Structures are given as structure tokens and as C-alpha cells.
Amino acid sequence: MAEVRDIILPTDKIQAHVTNRVGHVIFNNPQRHNAVSLDMWDAVEAAFSALSADQTVRVVVLSGAGGKSFVSGADISKFDSERGSKKAVDHYNARVKIIYDIIENFAKPTIAMINGYCMGGGLNLAACTDFRIISTKSQFAMPAAKLGLGYPFEAVNRLIHAVGLAEAKMLMFTAKTIDANTALRLGFVQEVVPEDELAQRVMDIATMIADNAPLTVAAMKYNALQAVKPNVDRIDLTRCDEMVAACFASDDYKEGRRAFMEKRKPNFAGK
């Protein structure tokens, strides 16, 4: 049986644990379809900080509890207290931007496991991950236009990169809901599987990633993040080259060559 190590967080509405080399962050507010409040975002930051520091973790899976939703967006019941004034809105937006940036730029691969509703801020959260595996019952929407909310540049940019300019405009302007197959067709998600197969499929993919050379995967992710920056002048090509060079200088590169010649599975240590 796999060992499970829990991460202690300030609220039980966010849960986190490590199973083998896979970290898990679970949005646990099923009574509100996993809508997120500020204290939950604070806990998400704490979870990712712990998973970043844990050298045994090689990939992180984000999911929602309850079997009905991934994340349905911000907790509207908290809007008066958390977003009821300009000062409160500015604080909320700045705080959430930090969390989205942490997830989007996280050094280790991230997977969104989506089972059910993925709406608003949940859609933006999913777009921050490296890719998305979903169940057949999943549904997606960006309902900001129905609520009168502003939608920041970074979120718009992520959606454009995920589905293309025209489709992003269609989703944002109409605020319509799309089903799992449409999300797959648009390229927002990478696989659609039956609900009872979702968890195992995600773990299979996470394990495949965890089995690969961590330095190589990290270099690939960093290079990919640099490649999609809207401002070419901000691309750190020096760091890209350094990370690639570190792969070739690593013990893992030697192990990979030996394993190939010996026709066995490599055992990468991330060094």
C-alpha cells in the first residue's frame, strides 16, 4: 500500500497530501461546488510551498472534492465581505493573482483532474496547470459577463493560449457553458475519460511523469513557460540554456544512457 503523508493546512477546505512521488491539492468545499474564499487561497499557497520544498514530489495533481465540481469559481457568498469595496476588490485580486502565478510557474508539472463543474475562477485555475484530464460529465464556463465582473489580462491571456483567440472571445463574451467533448475539441483539455476511470488515469499519467528525469522535465517546463510569454524581451534565454546544460551534466543523464544500453527502466534521482 502506498504511503500517504498529509500536509497540515490552516483550513480543512483545502487538503493536501503526498502519495509516493505525487502531490495532491484538493479543493474541499463541496457544499458550494468547491467555490473558493480568501482563506482557501491562502491554504493553497501554503500547500504549494510545502510541495515545492518536498524533494520527493515530482508532479502535483489538483482536484475538487465531492464528485460534482472541480472548482466553481469564487465564493459568491463572500463577495460582500471579500469583494464589497474597491479596496477589498484590489486586495482580493492581488492575492489571487499571486496564487495563480505560483501554480502557473510552479517548477514541477501540474495536472488538473476535473470531474464536474469548472467555472469562472476554476477555469482560470485549470488553465494555470500544465494540462487537464477530465471526466465525461465535466462542464466549463466563464460567466464573468453575467456577473459584471472584470476579468484581468493574465486570465484572458491564459484562456487565449489554451483555446485560441476566437474561441476564447466566444466563451468570454457569451458566458456559455460547454461540455467535455467541446472542451477536448477546443484543446482546453487533453483527455476525456469515464468518471470511474478518471482517478486511475490521472495517477497513471502522473506516475509516467514521476518516472522521468526531473531535471529534464523541469527544464522543459521552464522553456515552455518562457516560450509563451507575451513580451519576447522578458524571455530568460540564459536560464533556459543553464537548465538544459545541467541536464547533460547530471548523474541522471549518465543513468539514462546506462539504462538504455542495459535495456532496463532508469532510476532517476534528480541530480
C-alpha atoms as a PDB file:
ATOM      1  CA  MET A   1       0.000   0.000   0.000  1.00  0.00           C
ATOM      2  CA  ALA A   2       1.253   3.462  -0.923  1.00  0.00           C
ATOM      3  CA  GLU A   3       2.312   5.703   1.946  1.00  0.00           C
ATOM      4  CA  VAL A   4       0.189   8.862   2.321  1.00  0.00           C
ATOM      5  CA  ARG A   5       1.736  11.890   4.028  1.00  0.00           C
ATOM      6  CA  ASP A   6      -0.696  14.652   4.931  1.00  0.00           C
ATOM      7  CA  ILE A   7       0.222  18.337   4.769  1.00  0.00           C
ATOM      8  CA  ILE A   8      -1.251  20.363   7.618  1.00  0.00           C
ATOM      9  CA  LEU A   9      -3.036  23.491   6.350  1.00  0.00           C
ATOM     10  CA  PRO A  10      -4.871  26.352   8.113  1.00  0.00           C
ATOM     11  CA  THR A  11      -8.307  25.290   6.806  1.00  0.00           C
ATOM     12  CA  ASP A  12      -9.783  21.882   6.018  1.00  0.00           C
ATOM     13  CA  LYS A  13     -11.451  23.378   2.943  1.00  0.00           C
ATOM     14  CA  ILE A  14      -8.108  22.812   1.234  1.00  0.00           C
ATOM     15  CA  GLN A  15      -6.484  19.426   1.725  1.00  0.00           C
ATOM     16  CA  ALA A  16      -3.058  18.309   0.590  1.00  0.00           C
ATOM     17  CA  HIS A  17      -1.052  15.130   0.799  1.00  0.00           C
ATOM     18  CA  VAL A  18       1.741  13.221  -0.908  1.00  0.00           C
ATOM     19  CA  THR A  19       1.347   9.686  -2.257  1.00  0.00           C
ATOM     20  CA  ASN A  20       4.644   8.191  -3.411  1.00  0.00           C
ATOM     21  CA  ARG A  21       6.087  10.967  -5.611  1.00  0.00           C
ATOM     22  CA  VAL A  22       2.768  12.652  -6.414  1.00  0.00           C
ATOM     23  CA  GLY A  23       1.468  15.657  -4.508  1.00  0.00           C
ATOM     24  CA  HIS A  24      -2.275  16.293  -4.280  1.00  0.00           C
ATOM     25  CA  VAL A  25      -4.101  19.571  -3.621  1.00  0.00           C
ATOM     26  CA  ILE A  26      -7.852  19.123  -3.118  1.00  0.00           C
ATOM     27  CA  PHE A  27     -10.468  21.892  -3.019  1.00  0.00           C
ATOM     28  CA  ASN A  28     -12.790  20.677  -0.287  1.00  0.00           C
ATOM     29  CA  ASN A  29     -15.872  22.901  -0.202  1.00  0.00           C
ATOM     30  CA  PRO A  30     -18.397  20.569  -1.883  1.00  0.00           C
ATOM     31  CA  GLN A  31     -21.453  22.257  -0.344  1.00  0.00           C
ATOM     32  CA  ARG A  32     -20.628  25.257  -2.555  1.00  0.00           C
ATOM     33  CA  HIS A  33     -19.271  23.267  -5.512  1.00  0.00           C
ATOM     34  CA  ASN A  34     -15.749  23.982  -4.238  1.00  0.00           C
ATOM     35  CA  ALA A  35     -16.125  27.740  -4.549  1.00  0.00           C
ATOM     36  CA  VAL A  36     -13.022  29.437  -3.172  1.00  0.00           C
ATOM     37  CA  SER A  37     -12.660  32.113  -0.492  1.00  0.00           C
ATOM     38  CA  LEU A  38      -9.574  34.081   0.530  1.00  0.00           C
ATOM     39  CA  ASP A  39      -8.672  31.764   3.390  1.00  0.00           C
ATOM     40  CA  MET A  40      -8.761  28.856   0.954  1.00  0.00           C
ATOM     41  CA  TRP A  41      -6.405  30.654  -1.447  1.00  0.00           C
ATOM     42  CA  ASP A  42      -4.047  31.236   1.485  1.00  0.00           C
ATOM     43  CA  ALA A  43      -4.095  27.489   2.180  1.00  0.00           C
ATOM     44  CA  VAL A  44      -3.423  26.722  -1.482  1.00  0.00           C
ATOM     45  CA  GLU A  45      -0.295  28.872  -1.305  1.00  0.00           C
ATOM     46  CA  ALA A  46       0.813  27.032   1.835  1.00  0.00           C
ATOM     47  CA  ALA A  47       0.230  23.673   0.141  1.00  0.00           C
ATOM     48  CA  PHE A  48       2.294  24.583  -2.913  1.00  0.00           C
ATOM     49  CA  SER A  49       5.064  25.949  -0.723  1.00  0.00           C
ATOM     50  CA  ALA A  50       5.245  22.600   1.087  1.00  0.00           C
ATOM     51  CA  LEU A  51       5.136  20.621  -2.162  1.00  0.00           C
ATOM     52  CA  SER A  52       7.857  22.794  -3.674  1.00  0.00           C
ATOM     53  CA  ALA A  53      10.148  22.131  -0.721  1.00  0.00           C
ATOM     54  CA  ASP A  54       9.476  18.372  -0.717  1.00  0.00           C
ATOM     55  CA  GLN A  55      12.202  16.885  -2.907  1.00  0.00           C
ATOM     56  CA  THR A  56      10.325  13.582  -3.183  1.00  0.00           C
ATOM     57  CA  VAL A  57       7.432  15.255  -5.045  1.00  0.00           C
ATOM     58  CA  ARG A  58       7.793  15.243  -8.819  1.00  0.00           C
ATOM     59  CA  VAL A  59       4.281  16.123 -10.007  1.00  0.00           C
ATOM     60  CA  VAL A  60       1.195  17.739  -8.445  1.00  0.00           C
ATOM     61  CA  VAL A  61      -2.478  16.902  -9.097  1.00  0.00           C
ATOM     62  CA  LEU A  62      -5.211  19.444  -8.372  1.00  0.00           C
ATOM     63  CA  SER A  63      -8.782  18.203  -7.871  1.00  0.00           C
ATOM     64  CA  GLY A  64     -12.121  19.006  -6.262  1.00  0.00           C
ATOM     65  CA  ALA A  65     -13.913  17.044  -3.537  1.00  0.00           C
ATOM     66  CA  GLY A  66     -17.495  15.794  -3.671  1.00  0.00           C
ATOM     67  CA  GLY A  67     -17.704  14.359  -7.167  1.00  0.00           C
ATOM     68  CA  LYS A  68     -19.684  17.273  -8.615  1.00  0.00           C
ATOM     69  CA  SER A  69     -17.175  20.068  -9.213  1.00  0.00           C
ATOM     70  CA  PHE A  70     -13.512  20.851  -9.743  1.00  0.00           C
ATOM     71  CA  VAL A  71     -13.792  24.499  -8.714  1.00  0.00           C
ATOM     72  CA  SER A  72     -16.856  26.620  -9.448  1.00  0.00           C
ATOM     73  CA  GLY A  73     -15.048  29.935  -9.028  1.00  0.00           C
ATOM     74  CA  ALA A  74     -15.040  32.486  -6.248  1.00  0.00           C
ATOM     75  CA  ASP A  75     -17.410  32.008  -3.312  1.00  0.00           C
ATOM     76  CA  ILE A  76     -20.175  34.487  -4.160  1.00  0.00           C
ATOM     77  CA  SER A  77     -21.485  34.288  -0.580  1.00  0.00           C
ATOM     78  CA  LYS A  78     -18.244  36.023   0.461  1.00  0.00           C
ATOM     79  CA  PHE A  79     -18.431  38.827  -2.124  1.00  0.00           C
ATOM     80  CA  ASP A  80     -19.786  41.428   0.318  1.00  0.00           C
ATOM     81  CA  SER A  81     -17.026  40.752   2.841  1.00  0.00           C
ATOM     82  CA  GLU A  82     -14.163  39.955   0.453  1.00  0.00           C
ATOM     83  CA  ARG A  83     -15.041  41.994  -2.676  1.00  0.00           C
ATOM     84  CA  GLY A  84     -17.581  44.552  -1.459  1.00  0.00           C
ATOM     85  CA  SER A  85     -15.451  47.694  -1.913  1.00  0.00           C
ATOM     86  CA  LYS A  86     -12.718  48.896  -4.247  1.00  0.00           C
ATOM     87  CA  LYS A  87     -10.099  48.333  -1.557  1.00  0.00           C
ATOM     88  CA  ALA A  88     -11.402  44.825  -0.899  1.00  0.00           C
ATOM     89  CA  VAL A  89     -11.554  44.015  -4.625  1.00  0.00           C
ATOM     90  CA  ASP A  90      -7.980  45.239  -5.143  1.00  0.00           C
ATOM     91  CA  HIS A  91      -6.770  43.124  -2.207  1.00  0.00           C
ATOM     92  CA  TYR A  92      -8.644  40.030  -3.395  1.00  0.00           C
ATOM     93  CA  ASN A  93      -7.411  40.360  -6.986  1.00  0.00           C
ATOM     94  CA  ALA A  94      -3.808  40.924  -5.924  1.00  0.00           C
ATOM     95  CA  ARG A  95      -3.908  37.962  -3.554  1.00  0.00           C
ATOM     96  CA  VAL A  96      -5.453  35.593  -6.095  1.00  0.00           C
ATOM     97  CA  LYS A  97      -3.030  36.737  -8.820  1.00  0.00           C
ATOM     98  CA  ILE A  98      -0.150  35.644  -6.606  1.00  0.00           C
ATOM     99  CA  ILE A  99      -1.641  32.161  -6.222  1.00  0.00           C
ATOM    100  CA  TYR A 100      -2.374  31.760  -9.936  1.00  0.00           C
ATOM    101  CA  ASP A 101       1.190  32.849 -10.740  1.00  0.00           C
ATOM    102  CA  ILE A 102       2.605  30.349  -8.241  1.00  0.00           C
ATOM    103  CA  ILE A 103       0.679  27.487  -9.855  1.00  0.00           C
ATOM    104  CA  GLU A 104       1.348  28.567 -13.438  1.00  0.00           C
ATOM    105  CA  ASN A 105       5.091  28.949 -12.795  1.00  0.00           C
ATOM    106  CA  PHE A 106       5.453  26.009 -10.421  1.00  0.00           C
ATOM    107  CA  ALA A 107       8.719  24.226 -11.205  1.00  0.00           C
ATOM    108  CA  LYS A 108       7.127  20.763 -11.104  1.00  0.00           C
ATOM    109  CA  PRO A 109       4.458  19.557 -13.548  1.00  0.00           C
ATOM    110  CA  THR A 110       0.846  20.129 -12.554  1.00  0.00           C
ATOM    111  CA  ILE A 111      -2.288  18.269 -13.671  1.00  0.00           C
ATOM    112  CA  ALA A 112      -5.892  19.361 -13.193  1.00  0.00           C
ATOM    113  CA  MET A 113      -8.158  16.360 -12.564  1.00  0.00           C
ATOM    114  CA  ILE A 114     -11.620  17.707 -13.373  1.00  0.00           C
ATOM    115  CA  ASN A 115     -14.826  15.881 -12.512  1.00  0.00           C
ATOM    116  CA  GLY A 116     -17.897  18.069 -12.953  1.00  0.00           C
ATOM    117  CA  TYR A 117     -18.238  21.857 -12.992  1.00  0.00           C
ATOM    118  CA  CYS A 118     -15.213  24.025 -13.774  1.00  0.00           C
ATOM    119  CA  MET A 119     -16.421  27.608 -13.829  1.00  0.00           C
ATOM    120  CA  GLY A 120     -15.050  31.146 -13.657  1.00  0.00           C
ATOM    121  CA  GLY A 121     -12.035  31.233 -11.389  1.00  0.00           C
ATOM    122  CA  GLY A 122     -11.976  27.440 -11.612  1.00  0.00           C
ATOM    123  CA  LEU A 123     -11.488  27.716 -15.370  1.00  0.00           C
ATOM    124  CA  ASN A 124      -8.636  30.148 -14.813  1.00  0.00           C
ATOM    125  CA  LEU A 125      -7.157  27.851 -12.165  1.00  0.00           C
ATOM    126  CA  ALA A 126      -7.314  24.892 -14.552  1.00  0.00           C
ATOM    127  CA  ALA A 127      -5.644  26.992 -17.258  1.00  0.00           C
ATOM    128  CA  CYS A 128      -2.735  27.592 -14.858  1.00  0.00           C
ATOM    129  CA  THR A 129      -1.935  23.873 -14.784  1.00  0.00           C
ATOM    130  CA  ASP A 130       0.189  22.164 -17.405  1.00  0.00           C
ATOM    131  CA  PHE A 131      -2.685  20.059 -18.707  1.00  0.00           C
ATOM    132  CA  ARG A 132      -6.146  18.854 -17.850  1.00  0.00           C
ATOM    133  CA  ILE A 133      -7.674  15.351 -17.689  1.00  0.00           C
ATOM    134  CA  ILE A 134     -11.445  15.313 -17.218  1.00  0.00           C
ATOM    135  CA  SER A 135     -14.490  13.077 -16.835  1.00  0.00           C
ATOM    136  CA  THR A 136     -17.226  12.878 -19.432  1.00  0.00           C
ATOM    137  CA  LYS A 137     -19.664  14.798 -17.215  1.00  0.00           C
ATOM    138  CA  SER A 138     -17.431  17.857 -16.850  1.00  0.00           C
ATOM    139  CA  GLN A 139     -18.697  21.292 -17.895  1.00  0.00           C
ATOM    140  CA  PHE A 140     -16.879  24.589 -18.374  1.00  0.00           C
ATOM    141  CA  ALA A 141     -17.868  28.259 -18.452  1.00  0.00           C
ATOM    142  CA  MET A 142     -16.530  31.765 -17.968  1.00  0.00           C
ATOM    143  CA  PRO A 143     -19.606  33.546 -16.530  1.00  0.00           C
ATOM    144  CA  ALA A 144     -17.951  36.913 -15.700  1.00  0.00           C
ATOM    145  CA  ALA A 145     -20.111  38.749 -18.267  1.00  0.00           C
ATOM    146  CA  LYS A 146     -23.245  37.522 -16.475  1.00  0.00           C
ATOM    147  CA  LEU A 147     -21.985  38.827 -13.124  1.00  0.00           C
ATOM    148  CA  GLY A 148     -20.500  42.141 -14.174  1.00  0.00           C
ATOM    149  CA  LEU A 149     -17.012  41.110 -13.050  1.00  0.00           C
ATOM    150  CA  GLY A 150     -13.802  42.387 -14.561  1.00  0.00           C
ATOM    151  CA  TYR A 151     -11.506  39.707 -15.993  1.00  0.00           C
ATOM    152  CA  PRO A 152      -7.770  40.532 -15.791  1.00  0.00           C
ATOM    153  CA  PHE A 153      -5.218  40.383 -18.587  1.00  0.00           C
ATOM    154  CA  GLU A 154      -3.375  37.350 -17.244  1.00  0.00           C
ATOM    155  CA  ALA A 155      -6.577  35.281 -17.136  1.00  0.00           C
ATOM    156  CA  VAL A 156      -7.613  36.367 -20.627  1.00  0.00           C
ATOM    157  CA  ASN A 157      -4.135  35.571 -21.910  1.00  0.00           C
ATOM    158  CA  ARG A 158      -4.180  32.073 -20.379  1.00  0.00           C
ATOM    159  CA  LEU A 159      -7.515  31.277 -21.972  1.00  0.00           C
ATOM    160  CA  ILE A 160      -6.320  32.535 -25.365  1.00  0.00           C
ATOM    161  CA  HIS A 161      -3.238  30.317 -25.151  1.00  0.00           C
ATOM    162  CA  ALA A 162      -5.418  27.358 -24.170  1.00  0.00           C
ATOM    163  CA  VAL A 163      -8.142  27.573 -26.841  1.00  0.00           C
ATOM    164  CA  GLY A 164      -7.179  30.281 -29.333  1.00  0.00           C
ATOM    165  CA  LEU A 165      -8.272  33.897 -29.712  1.00  0.00           C
ATOM    166  CA  ALA A 166     -11.685  33.489 -31.358  1.00  0.00           C
ATOM    167  CA  GLU A 167     -12.816  30.623 -29.126  1.00  0.00           C
ATOM    168  CA  ALA A 168     -11.670  32.495 -26.023  1.00  0.00           C
ATOM    169  CA  LYS A 169     -13.712  35.503 -27.111  1.00  0.00           C
ATOM    170  CA  MET A 170     -16.731  33.269 -27.727  1.00  0.00           C
ATOM    171  CA  LEU A 171     -16.502  31.767 -24.239  1.00  0.00           C
ATOM    172  CA  MET A 172     -15.984  35.120 -22.542  1.00  0.00           C
ATOM    173  CA  PHE A 173     -18.500  37.214 -24.487  1.00  0.00           C
ATOM    174  CA  THR A 174     -21.349  34.678 -24.418  1.00  0.00           C
ATOM    175  CA  ALA A 175     -20.603  33.248 -20.943  1.00  0.00           C
ATOM    176  CA  LYS A 176     -21.945  29.962 -22.348  1.00  0.00           C
ATOM    177  CA  THR A 177     -21.331  26.528 -20.861  1.00  0.00           C
ATOM    178  CA  ILE A 178     -19.518  23.882 -22.902  1.00  0.00           C
ATOM    179  CA  ASP A 179     -19.385  20.126 -22.352  1.00  0.00           C
ATOM    180  CA  ALA A 180     -16.432  17.768 -22.062  1.00  0.00           C
ATOM    181  CA  ASN A 181     -16.222  16.874 -25.748  1.00  0.00           C
ATOM    182  CA  THR A 182     -16.300  20.530 -26.781  1.00  0.00           C
ATOM    183  CA  ALA A 183     -13.521  21.306 -24.295  1.00  0.00           C
ATOM    184  CA  LEU A 184     -11.495  18.484 -25.851  1.00  0.00           C
ATOM    185  CA  ARG A 185     -12.171  19.734 -29.384  1.00  0.00           C
ATOM    186  CA  LEU A 186     -11.022  23.231 -28.412  1.00  0.00           C
ATOM    187  CA  GLY A 187      -7.823  21.820 -26.917  1.00  0.00           C
ATOM    188  CA  PHE A 188      -8.539  23.110 -23.419  1.00  0.00           C
ATOM    189  CA  VAL A 189      -8.382  19.546 -22.087  1.00  0.00           C
ATOM    190  CA  GLN A 190      -6.136  16.729 -23.228  1.00  0.00           C
ATOM    191  CA  GLU A 191      -8.173  13.622 -22.368  1.00  0.00           C
ATOM    192  CA  VAL A 192     -11.795  12.759 -21.550  1.00  0.00           C
ATOM    193  CA  VAL A 193     -12.422   9.506 -19.672  1.00  0.00           C
ATOM    194  CA  PRO A 194     -15.369   7.896 -17.857  1.00  0.00           C
ATOM    195  CA  GLU A 195     -15.829   9.179 -14.324  1.00  0.00           C
ATOM    196  CA  ASP A 196     -14.965   5.838 -12.719  1.00  0.00           C
ATOM    197  CA  GLU A 197     -11.661   5.740 -14.634  1.00  0.00           C
ATOM    198  CA  LEU A 198     -10.586   9.335 -14.033  1.00  0.00           C
ATOM    199  CA  ALA A 199      -8.530   8.980 -10.843  1.00  0.00           C
ATOM    200  CA  GLN A 200      -6.616   5.961 -12.111  1.00  0.00           C
ATOM    201  CA  ARG A 201      -5.906   7.575 -15.483  1.00  0.00           C
ATOM    202  CA  VAL A 202      -4.547  10.706 -13.830  1.00  0.00           C
ATOM    203  CA  MET A 203      -2.365   8.638 -11.499  1.00  0.00           C
ATOM    204  CA  ASP A 204      -1.066   6.634 -14.453  1.00  0.00           C
ATOM    205  CA  ILE A 205      -0.027   9.853 -16.203  1.00  0.00           C
ATOM    206  CA  ALA A 206       1.417  11.336 -13.012  1.00  0.00           C
ATOM    207  CA  THR A 207       3.464   8.180 -12.469  1.00  0.00           C
ATOM    208  CA  MET A 208       4.794   8.308 -16.036  1.00  0.00           C
ATOM    209  CA  ILE A 209       5.980  11.861 -15.393  1.00  0.00           C
ATOM    210  CA  ALA A 210       7.420  10.984 -11.979  1.00  0.00           C
ATOM    211  CA  ASP A 211       9.406   8.143 -13.548  1.00  0.00           C
ATOM    212  CA  ASN A 212      11.146  10.527 -15.953  1.00  0.00           C
ATOM    213  CA  ALA A 213      14.263  12.607 -15.280  1.00  0.00           C
ATOM    214  CA  PRO A 214      13.211  15.502 -13.002  1.00  0.00           C
ATOM    215  CA  LEU A 215      15.876  17.927 -14.248  1.00  0.00           C
ATOM    216  CA  THR A 216      14.848  17.323 -17.854  1.00  0.00           C
ATOM    217  CA  VAL A 217      11.155  17.759 -17.082  1.00  0.00           C
ATOM    218  CA  ALA A 218      11.871  20.949 -15.118  1.00  0.00           C
ATOM    219  CA  ALA A 219      13.966  22.365 -17.973  1.00  0.00           C
ATOM    220  CA  MET A 220      11.245  21.548 -20.486  1.00  0.00           C
ATOM    221  CA  LYS A 221       8.601  23.237 -18.345  1.00  0.00           C
ATOM    222  CA  TYR A 222      10.698  26.351 -17.799  1.00  0.00           C
ATOM    223  CA  ASN A 223      11.482  26.631 -21.517  1.00  0.00           C
ATOM    224  CA  ALA A 224       7.798  26.170 -22.372  1.00  0.00           C
ATOM    225  CA  LEU A 225       6.776  28.926 -19.942  1.00  0.00           C
ATOM    226  CA  GLN A 226       9.340  31.265 -21.466  1.00  0.00           C
ATOM    227  CA  ALA A 227       8.115  30.443 -24.976  1.00  0.00           C
ATOM    228  CA  VAL A 228       4.563  31.688 -24.336  1.00  0.00           C
ATOM    229  CA  LYS A 229       5.469  34.970 -22.631  1.00  0.00           C
ATOM    230  CA  PRO A 230       3.682  37.861 -24.372  1.00  0.00           C
ATOM    231  CA  ASN A 231       6.818  40.025 -24.216  1.00  0.00           C
ATOM    232  CA  VAL A 232       9.774  38.436 -26.003  1.00  0.00           C
ATOM    233  CA  ASP A 233      12.175  40.779 -24.226  1.00  0.00           C
ATOM    234  CA  ARG A 234      11.276  39.135 -20.903  1.00  0.00           C
ATOM    235  CA  ILE A 235      12.380  35.657 -22.000  1.00  0.00           C
ATOM    236  CA  ASP A 236      15.314  34.431 -19.913  1.00  0.00           C
ATOM    237  CA  LEU A 237      17.295  32.517 -22.522  1.00  0.00           C
ATOM    238  CA  THR A 238      20.335  32.379 -20.257  1.00  0.00           C
ATOM    239  CA  ARG A 239      18.382  30.455 -17.622  1.00  0.00           C
ATOM    240  CA  CYS A 240      16.921  28.200 -20.327  1.00  0.00           C
ATOM    241  CA  ASP A 241      20.417  27.319 -21.535  1.00  0.00           C
ATOM    242  CA  GLU A 242      21.666  26.772 -17.991  1.00  0.00           C
ATOM    243  CA  MET A 243      18.887  24.309 -17.198  1.00  0.00           C
ATOM    244  CA  VAL A 244      19.499  22.362 -20.397  1.00  0.00           C
ATOM    245  CA  ALA A 245      23.241  22.252 -19.680  1.00  0.00           C
ATOM    246  CA  ALA A 246      22.521  20.994 -16.153  1.00  0.00           C
ATOM    247  CA  CYS A 247      20.673  18.027 -17.641  1.00  0.00           C
ATOM    248  CA  PHE A 248      23.707  16.982 -19.659  1.00  0.00           C
ATOM    249  CA  ALA A 249      25.981  17.436 -16.632  1.00  0.00           C
ATOM    250  CA  SER A 250      23.776  15.385 -14.319  1.00  0.00           C
ATOM    251  CA  ASP A 251      24.109  11.885 -12.941  1.00  0.00           C
ATOM    252  CA  ASP A 252      20.616  11.266 -14.347  1.00  0.00           C
ATOM    253  CA  TYR A 253      21.978  11.733 -17.882  1.00  0.00           C
ATOM    254  CA  LYS A 254      24.553   9.009 -17.173  1.00  0.00           C
ATOM    255  CA  GLU A 255      21.839   6.792 -15.647  1.00  0.00           C
ATOM    256  CA  GLY A 256      19.576   7.315 -18.652  1.00  0.00           C
ATOM    257  CA  ARG A 257      22.314   6.255 -21.080  1.00  0.00           C
ATOM    258  CA  ARG A 258      23.213   3.199 -18.977  1.00  0.00           C
ATOM    259  CA  ALA A 259      19.600   2.124 -18.645  1.00  0.00           C
ATOM    260  CA  PHE A 260      19.081   2.443 -22.387  1.00  0.00           C
ATOM    261  CA  MET A 261      22.122   0.313 -23.153  1.00  0.00           C
ATOM    262  CA  GLU A 262      21.170  -2.246 -20.496  1.00  0.00           C
ATOM    263  CA  LYS A 263      17.533  -2.325 -21.700  1.00  0.00           C
ATOM    264  CA  ARG A 264      16.103  -1.546 -18.260  1.00  0.00           C
ATOM    265  CA  LYS A 265      13.983   1.133 -16.656  1.00  0.00           C
ATOM    266  CA  PRO A 266      16.105   4.089 -15.469  1.00  0.00           C
ATOM    267  CA  ASN A 267      16.139   5.137 -11.830  1.00  0.00           C
ATOM    268  CA  PHE A 268      16.408   8.922 -11.848  1.00  0.00           C
ATOM    269  CA  ALA A 269      17.421  10.777  -8.692  1.00  0.00           C
ATOM    270  CA  GLY A 270      17.053  14.358  -9.881  1.00  0.00           C
ATOM    271  CA  LYS A 271      20.798  15.000  -9.578  1.00  0.00           C
END
